[in-house]
Protein backbone atom coordinates (compact mmCIF):
# COMPACT_ATOMS: atom_id res chain seq x y z
CA MET A 1 -0.24 0.08 0.11
CA LYS A 2 1.00 3.66 -0.87
CA ALA A 3 1.63 5.29 2.56
CA ARG A 4 1.81 8.76 0.82
CA GLY A 5 -0.28 11.37 -1.46
CA LYS A 6 1.12 12.65 -4.45
CA HIS A 7 2.76 15.78 -3.38
CA MET A 8 3.00 19.16 -5.41
CA GLY A 9 6.60 18.73 -6.31
CA ASP A 10 5.03 15.46 -8.54
CA LEU A 11 3.15 17.64 -10.74
CA ASN A 12 3.54 17.16 -14.44
CA ASP A 13 5.00 20.23 -16.51
CA ARG A 14 1.22 21.34 -17.12
CA GLY A 15 0.59 21.48 -13.80
CA TRP A 16 3.20 22.60 -12.94
CA THR A 17 3.53 25.61 -14.51
CA THR A 18 -0.16 26.50 -13.55
CA PHE A 19 0.96 26.48 -9.82
CA LEU A 20 4.09 28.62 -10.85
CA ARG A 21 1.20 31.56 -12.24
CA PHE A 22 -0.96 30.99 -9.41
CA CYS A 23 2.10 31.40 -6.55
CA PHE A 24 2.95 34.68 -8.66
CA LEU A 25 -0.23 35.98 -8.51
CA LEU A 26 -0.77 35.04 -4.70
CA MET A 27 2.62 36.83 -4.13
CA ALA A 28 1.42 39.69 -5.70
CA LEU A 29 -1.89 40.03 -3.73
CA VAL A 30 -1.16 38.56 -0.82
CA PRO A 31 1.42 39.54 1.86
CA GLY A 32 3.74 36.58 2.30
CA GLY A 33 2.11 34.41 -0.58
CA SER A 34 5.52 32.71 -1.21
CA SER A 35 5.72 30.97 1.92
CA VAL A 36 2.01 29.43 1.17
CA CYS A 37 3.51 28.56 -2.23
CA LEU A 38 6.57 26.98 -0.67
CA SER A 39 5.19 25.31 1.99
CA GLN A 40 2.80 23.24 -0.50
CA THR A 41 5.38 20.60 -0.38
CA ASN A 42 5.13 20.12 3.03
CA SER A 43 2.23 18.42 3.61
CA LEU A 44 3.52 15.06 5.32
CA PRO A 45 6.98 14.25 7.45
CA PRO A 46 9.53 13.14 4.42
CA MET A 47 10.98 9.66 4.47
CA GLY A 48 13.90 8.59 2.67
CA TRP A 49 17.63 7.63 3.33
CA GLU A 50 20.99 9.61 4.17
CA PRO A 51 24.46 7.65 4.15
CA TRP A 52 26.10 9.39 7.10
CA TYR A 53 25.65 6.77 10.25
CA VAL A 54 26.61 4.14 7.38
CA ASP A 55 30.48 4.69 8.28
CA HIS A 56 30.69 8.37 9.05
CA CYS A 57 31.47 9.19 5.28
CA GLY A 58 33.94 6.63 5.26
CA ASN A 59 35.76 3.21 3.53
CA SER A 60 32.70 1.18 3.31
CA SER A 61 31.74 3.04 -0.06
CA SER A 62 32.86 5.02 -2.55
CA TRP A 63 29.93 6.70 -1.99
CA ASP A 64 30.23 7.67 -5.89
CA GLU A 65 27.71 7.61 -9.40
CA VAL A 66 27.69 4.39 -8.98
CA TYR A 67 26.87 3.52 -5.86
CA TYR A 68 23.79 5.94 -5.29
CA ARG A 69 22.49 4.29 -8.60
CA LYS A 70 22.33 1.34 -6.80
CA VAL A 71 20.88 2.90 -3.97
CA ALA A 72 18.26 4.26 -6.17
CA ASP A 73 17.54 0.73 -7.38
CA LEU A 74 17.17 -0.72 -4.43
CA MET A 75 14.36 1.69 -3.12
CA VAL A 76 12.33 0.87 -5.63
CA SER A 77 12.97 -2.89 -5.72
CA SER A 78 12.72 -3.57 -2.67
CA GLY A 79 9.27 -1.99 -2.18
CA LEU A 80 10.87 1.17 0.47
CA LYS A 81 9.78 3.49 -2.50
CA GLU A 82 6.10 2.09 -2.58
CA LEU A 83 6.11 2.76 1.47
CA GLY A 84 7.12 6.44 0.88
CA TYR A 85 10.48 6.45 1.33
CA THR A 86 11.29 8.62 -1.31
CA TRP A 87 14.24 11.17 -0.65
CA LEU A 88 17.72 9.95 -1.76
CA THR A 89 20.48 12.14 0.21
CA VAL A 90 24.03 12.96 -1.58
CA GLU A 91 26.65 13.83 -0.18
CA CYS A 92 30.35 12.54 1.05
CA GLY A 93 32.50 14.38 -0.39
CA ASP A 94 30.16 14.84 -3.29
CA HIS A 95 31.32 18.59 -4.21
CA TYR A 96 33.66 21.42 -4.04
CA ARG A 97 33.93 25.22 -4.70
CA ASP A 98 35.96 26.33 -7.36
CA LYS A 99 38.61 29.16 -7.82
CA ASP A 100 35.55 31.49 -9.08
CA GLY A 101 33.29 30.30 -5.99
CA GLN A 102 31.23 27.85 -8.01
CA ILE A 103 30.22 24.33 -6.42
CA GLN A 104 31.06 21.92 -8.79
CA PRO A 105 30.97 17.99 -8.53
CA ASN A 106 33.43 16.09 -7.34
CA LEU A 107 34.28 14.56 -10.56
CA ALA A 108 36.46 11.78 -9.51
CA LYS A 109 33.20 10.81 -7.62
CA PHE A 110 30.82 12.17 -10.32
CA PRO A 111 32.67 11.73 -13.42
CA HIS A 112 29.74 12.30 -15.46
CA GLY A 113 27.95 15.54 -12.53
CA PHE A 114 25.49 15.77 -10.95
CA ASN A 115 22.59 15.90 -13.52
CA ALA A 116 23.47 12.44 -14.91
CA ILE A 117 22.85 10.96 -11.29
CA THR A 118 19.69 13.42 -10.54
CA ASP A 119 17.92 12.46 -13.56
CA TYR A 120 18.46 9.18 -12.54
CA ILE A 121 16.78 8.84 -9.14
CA HIS A 122 13.94 11.09 -10.72
CA GLU A 123 13.47 8.28 -13.56
CA ARG A 124 12.87 6.04 -10.95
CA GLY A 125 9.89 8.28 -9.24
CA LEU A 126 12.54 9.00 -6.04
CA LYS A 127 13.61 12.94 -5.05
CA VAL A 128 17.44 13.94 -4.28
CA ARG A 129 18.79 16.35 -1.72
CA ASN A 130 22.29 17.67 -1.88
CA TYR A 131 24.04 18.35 1.55
CA SER A 132 25.92 21.68 2.59
CA ASP A 133 26.52 23.84 5.61
CA ALA A 134 25.32 27.22 6.70
CA GLY A 135 28.70 27.98 7.57
CA TYR A 136 31.87 28.75 5.46
CA GLY A 137 33.29 25.71 6.83
CA LYS A 138 32.32 21.58 7.22
CA CYS A 139 31.43 18.32 9.41
CA CYS A 140 34.48 16.70 9.97
CA CYS A 141 37.04 15.96 7.31
CA PHE A 142 34.52 14.11 4.36
CA GLU A 143 31.98 16.58 3.75
CA GLY A 144 31.96 19.16 1.04
CA ALA A 145 32.12 23.13 0.76
CA GLY A 146 29.87 24.95 3.35
CA SER A 147 27.34 27.66 1.69
CA ARG A 148 27.86 30.91 3.80
CA GLY A 149 27.99 33.82 1.22
CA HIS A 150 27.04 31.91 -1.52
CA TYR A 151 23.46 31.17 -0.46
CA GLY A 152 21.83 31.98 -3.74
CA ASP A 153 24.16 30.85 -5.87
CA ASP A 154 24.57 27.51 -4.37
CA LEU A 155 20.73 27.58 -4.50
CA ARG A 156 20.31 28.18 -8.19
CA ARG A 157 23.46 25.87 -8.71
CA TRP A 158 21.83 22.99 -7.36
CA ILE A 159 18.50 23.56 -8.84
CA GLY A 160 20.08 23.53 -12.37
CA PHE A 161 22.10 20.06 -11.04
CA GLY A 162 18.62 18.86 -10.64
CA PHE A 163 18.24 18.58 -6.27
CA ASP A 164 15.13 18.80 -5.30
CA GLY A 165 16.14 20.04 -1.41
CA ALA A 166 19.04 20.30 0.87
CA LYS A 167 20.39 19.11 4.01
CA ILE A 168 22.06 22.13 5.47
CA ASP A 169 24.34 21.21 8.95
CA TRP A 170 25.47 23.20 11.26
CA CYS A 171 29.08 22.67 12.35
CA GLY A 172 30.49 25.71 10.25
CA GLY A 173 27.80 27.78 11.83
CA HIS A 174 28.53 26.65 15.13
CA ASP A 175 31.84 27.17 15.26
CA GLU A 176 31.65 30.55 13.77
CA LYS A 177 28.58 31.29 16.56
CA LEU A 178 26.27 32.41 13.87
CA ASP A 179 22.49 33.00 14.49
CA PRO A 180 20.51 29.96 13.36
CA ARG A 181 17.29 31.86 12.96
CA THR A 182 19.45 34.52 10.93
CA GLN A 183 21.53 32.26 8.11
CA PHE A 184 18.05 30.30 7.67
CA LEU A 185 16.51 32.70 7.12
CA GLN A 186 18.57 34.05 4.46
CA PHE A 187 18.19 30.94 2.48
CA ALA A 188 14.57 31.06 2.50
CA HIS A 189 14.91 34.22 1.00
CA GLU A 190 16.92 32.64 -1.55
CA ILE A 191 14.30 29.89 -1.71
CA LYS A 192 11.28 32.63 -2.25
CA GLN A 193 13.11 34.32 -4.86
CA SER A 194 13.78 31.40 -7.01
CA ALA A 195 10.00 30.55 -7.11
CA LYS A 196 10.51 26.50 -6.40
CA PRO A 197 9.68 24.51 -3.48
CA PHE A 198 13.29 23.77 -2.33
CA PRO A 199 12.43 22.24 1.26
CA LEU A 200 15.59 22.12 3.22
CA GLU A 201 16.46 20.41 6.49
CA ILE A 202 17.35 22.92 9.55
CA CYS A 203 20.23 20.21 10.54
CA VAL A 204 21.19 23.10 14.08
CA TRP A 205 20.75 20.09 16.61
CA GLY A 206 18.41 22.08 18.51
CA GLU A 207 20.36 25.61 18.61
CA GLY A 208 18.67 28.34 18.64
CA ASN A 209 14.94 26.69 19.28
CA PRO A 210 14.21 26.34 15.11
CA TRP A 211 10.72 24.36 16.17
CA GLU A 212 9.87 28.25 16.95
CA TRP A 213 11.31 29.85 13.35
CA GLY A 214 11.42 26.28 11.18
CA LYS A 215 8.21 26.91 9.16
CA ASP A 216 9.07 30.30 7.87
CA VAL A 217 12.44 28.46 6.11
CA GLY A 218 9.87 25.26 4.58
CA GLY A 219 11.11 21.93 5.87
CA PHE A 220 12.35 20.02 9.16
CA TRP A 221 14.86 21.04 11.91
CA ARG A 222 16.79 18.72 14.03
CA THR A 223 15.51 18.99 17.29
CA GLY A 224 18.84 17.65 19.19
CA GLY A 225 22.47 15.94 18.90
CA ASP A 226 23.61 12.90 17.21
CA LEU A 227 22.49 10.04 18.54
CA ASP A 228 25.85 8.69 18.77
CA GLY A 229 27.25 11.16 20.74
CA GLY A 230 29.63 12.40 17.55
CA GLN A 231 31.29 8.58 18.36
CA PRO A 232 33.16 6.81 15.74
CA ALA A 233 30.78 5.52 13.37
CA ALA A 234 31.48 1.93 14.72
CA ASN A 235 29.38 3.38 18.07
CA HIS A 236 25.27 3.71 15.92
CA GLY A 237 23.71 4.91 19.25
CA ASP A 238 22.61 4.20 22.67
CA TRP A 239 19.48 4.36 24.62
CA GLN A 240 20.57 7.12 26.69
CA LEU A 241 21.19 9.75 23.50
CA LEU A 242 17.78 8.18 22.06
CA ILE A 243 15.50 9.23 24.96
CA LYS A 244 17.77 12.24 25.08
CA ASN A 245 16.70 13.20 21.56
CA LEU A 246 12.91 11.78 22.26
CA ASP A 247 12.55 14.19 25.25
CA ALA A 248 13.92 17.34 23.33
CA ASN A 249 11.27 16.47 20.25
CA ARG A 250 8.82 17.40 22.22
CA HIS A 251 7.54 20.55 20.79
CA PRO A 252 4.71 19.87 19.34
CA GLY A 253 2.11 23.05 19.17
CA PRO A 254 0.33 23.13 16.27
CA ASP A 255 1.19 26.61 15.33
CA HIS A 256 4.71 25.57 14.51
CA VAL A 257 4.23 22.16 13.23
CA GLY A 258 2.08 20.08 10.63
CA PRO A 259 0.90 20.76 7.01
CA GLY A 260 2.47 23.40 5.41
CA LYS A 261 4.58 24.46 8.24
CA GLY A 262 7.25 21.57 9.15
CA TRP A 263 8.35 19.31 11.32
CA ASN A 264 10.41 18.24 14.12
CA TYR A 265 13.10 15.84 13.70
CA PRO A 266 14.90 13.86 16.38
CA ASP A 267 17.70 12.58 13.87
CA VAL A 268 18.16 9.82 11.07
CA LEU A 269 16.36 6.00 12.38
CA LEU A 270 19.36 3.69 13.36
CA VAL A 271 17.39 0.07 12.86
CA GLY A 272 19.49 -2.12 11.29
CA LEU A 273 23.17 -0.71 11.96
CA PRO A 274 25.35 -2.95 14.15
CA GLY A 275 27.06 -2.14 17.18
CA GLY A 276 24.12 0.46 19.04
CA LEU A 277 20.44 -0.43 19.97
CA ASN A 278 19.32 -3.26 20.59
CA GLU A 279 16.33 -5.16 18.55
CA THR A 280 13.54 -4.03 20.76
CA GLU A 281 15.31 -0.60 21.21
CA GLU A 282 15.28 0.01 17.49
CA GLN A 283 11.88 -0.88 17.37
CA THR A 284 11.13 1.41 20.23
CA GLN A 285 12.41 4.43 17.78
CA PHE A 286 10.99 3.71 15.15
CA GLY A 287 7.06 3.50 16.61
CA MET A 288 8.02 6.49 18.45
CA TRP A 289 8.98 8.87 15.69
CA ALA A 290 5.93 7.48 14.14
CA ILE A 291 4.03 9.03 17.04
CA MET A 292 5.59 12.09 16.95
CA ALA A 293 5.34 12.77 12.88
CA SER A 294 8.58 12.61 12.51
CA PRO A 295 10.38 12.76 9.14
CA LEU A 296 11.93 8.91 8.99
CA PHE A 297 15.49 8.78 7.06
CA LEU A 298 17.32 5.16 7.09
CA GLY A 299 20.32 5.42 8.04
CA ASN A 300 21.01 2.26 7.70
CA ASP A 301 23.60 0.24 5.32
CA LEU A 302 20.69 -0.83 2.71
CA PHE A 303 22.81 -3.45 1.10
CA ASN A 304 23.20 -5.15 4.60
CA THR A 305 19.97 -5.08 6.85
CA PRO A 306 19.29 -7.43 8.78
CA SER A 307 15.72 -9.13 8.27
CA TYR A 308 14.39 -8.20 11.32
CA ALA A 309 15.13 -4.72 10.71
CA TRP A 310 13.36 -4.61 7.13
CA LYS A 311 10.39 -5.97 9.08
CA ILE A 312 10.40 -2.67 11.22
CA LEU A 313 11.00 -0.27 8.64
CA LYS A 314 8.48 -1.60 6.21
CA ASN A 315 5.51 -2.00 8.75
CA PRO A 316 2.73 -0.27 6.79
CA GLU A 317 0.67 0.33 10.04
CA VAL A 318 3.03 1.99 11.53
CA ILE A 319 4.26 4.22 8.66
CA ALA A 320 0.56 5.12 7.92
CA VAL A 321 0.40 6.82 11.81
CA ASP A 322 3.50 8.55 10.57
CA GLN A 323 2.24 9.62 7.59
CA ASP A 324 -1.11 10.61 9.42
CA PRO A 325 -2.91 13.39 7.13
CA LEU A 326 -3.55 15.43 9.70
CA GLY A 327 0.20 15.76 10.63
CA ILE A 328 -0.58 16.42 14.15
CA GLN A 329 2.81 15.21 16.21
CA GLY A 330 1.80 12.87 19.54
CA ASP A 331 3.01 13.68 23.10
CA VAL A 332 2.48 12.42 26.26
CA VAL A 333 -0.53 12.44 28.28
CA LYS A 334 -0.04 10.33 31.06
CA GLU A 335 3.42 9.59 33.05
CA TYR A 336 3.96 7.47 36.32
CA ASP A 337 7.20 6.40 38.08
CA LYS A 338 8.76 9.83 37.59
CA GLY A 339 8.31 9.76 33.85
CA ASN A 340 9.88 6.01 33.48
CA LEU A 341 6.53 4.92 32.55
CA GLN A 342 4.66 7.17 29.45
CA VAL A 343 1.37 7.00 28.06
CA TRP A 344 1.53 8.86 24.28
CA ALA A 345 -1.31 9.61 22.24
CA LYS A 346 -2.13 11.02 18.78
CA GLN A 347 -5.02 11.70 17.07
CA LEU A 348 -5.47 10.58 13.50
CA GLN A 349 -7.46 11.22 10.54
CA ASP A 350 -9.94 8.41 10.85
CA GLY A 351 -11.30 9.88 14.01
CA SER A 352 -8.88 6.91 15.93
CA ARG A 353 -6.32 7.64 18.19
CA ALA A 354 -2.51 6.18 17.89
CA VAL A 355 -1.27 5.24 21.56
CA ALA A 356 2.18 4.24 22.51
CA LEU A 357 2.84 3.15 26.00
CA LEU A 358 6.83 3.36 26.50
CA ASN A 359 8.81 1.54 29.15
CA ARG A 360 11.92 3.95 29.87
CA LYS A 361 13.14 1.48 32.71
CA ASP A 362 15.52 -1.58 32.73
CA GLU A 363 12.71 -4.61 33.62
CA PRO A 364 9.50 -5.39 32.41
CA GLN A 365 6.54 -2.89 33.51
CA ASN A 366 3.00 -3.19 33.45
CA ILE A 367 1.29 0.08 31.70
CA ALA A 368 -2.60 0.69 31.11
CA VAL A 369 -3.93 3.31 28.99
CA LEU A 370 -7.18 5.03 30.70
CA TRP A 371 -9.80 6.53 27.62
CA SER A 372 -10.06 9.62 30.06
CA ASP A 373 -6.53 10.10 29.33
CA LEU A 374 -7.43 10.06 25.61
CA GLY A 375 -10.39 12.39 25.97
CA ILE A 376 -12.50 9.31 24.81
CA SER A 377 -15.31 6.86 26.66
CA GLY A 378 -16.96 3.53 25.68
CA ARG A 379 -16.09 0.52 23.95
CA TRP A 380 -13.13 1.16 21.05
CA LYS A 381 -11.05 -1.92 19.69
CA VAL A 382 -7.67 -2.02 20.19
CA ARG A 383 -5.13 -3.52 17.92
CA ASP A 384 -1.55 -3.95 18.04
CA LEU A 385 0.55 -2.46 15.26
CA TRP A 386 3.74 -4.25 16.02
CA SER A 387 1.72 -8.12 15.52
CA HIS A 388 -0.95 -6.74 13.30
CA GLN A 389 -3.59 -8.22 15.86
CA ASP A 390 -6.75 -6.99 16.98
CA LYS A 391 -6.49 -7.92 21.04
CA GLY A 392 -10.12 -7.07 21.21
CA VAL A 393 -12.96 -4.65 22.25
CA PHE A 394 -12.19 -2.72 25.55
CA ASP A 395 -14.49 -0.10 27.88
CA GLY A 396 -12.82 2.33 29.77
CA ARG A 397 -8.84 1.33 29.61
CA TYR A 398 -6.39 -1.29 28.16
CA SER A 399 -3.00 -2.41 29.84
CA ARG A 400 -0.47 -4.90 29.18
CA THR A 401 2.89 -5.87 30.38
CA VAL A 402 5.85 -4.42 28.20
CA PRO A 403 9.44 -5.37 28.27
CA SER A 404 12.49 -2.89 29.08
CA HIS A 405 12.46 -0.58 26.51
CA ALA A 406 10.11 -1.38 24.67
CA THR A 407 7.33 0.38 23.40
CA ALA A 408 3.45 -1.23 22.90
CA LEU A 409 2.38 0.05 19.63
CA LEU A 410 -1.70 0.67 19.04
CA LYS A 411 -4.65 1.93 17.52
CA LEU A 412 -7.80 2.62 19.37
CA SER A 413 -11.04 2.60 17.21
CA GLN A 414 -14.64 3.09 17.65
């Protein structure tokens, strides 16, 4: 089943021309009309893949044109595309800045230039984003030059190269003591001038409270640090960092988050990466990201992923919670034991409720959800979204034992 609707970015040429004419008219008549137009591609949390967590842009791959072609093919053949994973991220030393200050493809990796690979990805019905930094600098030693002083020029180059969006990091911006809001609003100004939707990942790790202004840029924004704590690639996250980012992501205000605005993003999915979270914790990450309407970007090595991880990542019922058209970010409605046992809830478009029973403790615990905590009453059907089983009809409450670091993910329907 397809979990995502048809976006404005998928319009044919005639529809796109009509849409742009509407945008120009709206910009002339309505203050801020360009923001309205640019937000139309942001109706659901984006889903895709990016390479950083595989090995921090190391030597497990050449990260070149051949590799990204294989990734695009796999996203189609494996069914990821049909489930909604449609964004592919090109990074890892992919570009440099020439003597004239222009972004250029690294021809050692992309001998046919960027257009050859972006065309290949588009032909498979996927979208592709590139990578840069808001400062002059870059993250570590493997990425390309930053965009400070070149926001407009770089944007025009990226569009010309066929990219549909960008991940903009903050290593240079942080080291150069820049103000996140100022820098990203400059990016947003350039996007509006281009009159072409170009969503950004505002990768500022929560600096500058991006949930307060991110909607004015368009896209989604990181609310916390890297889940591996900046450690070597062999360390693929731990439970405490996962909980820290989950807590830091709790900014569900409808004035800032939702369709046409943007999405809080607590970092990449670590499901299927060795040396970090265990299987239960990985399942918890996926389920909690879905409850929070987070973007879902895979960080695993797509060619070396264990079967249990695919079972988690391809769960259509969980993806449907994340991609629900209402776009509400779920939040805690009840907690016990100093917040170690939590009930999270998210209203869905069909009137049902998605509920997560999260056990943050190191031993199994019984957790109950009360109808009064959800603002409902009467008899409701409870379905387990991990096992795809109906658990029965209940009146007033439902409880179960939840293993350590696990999440029971439920759907309640009348």
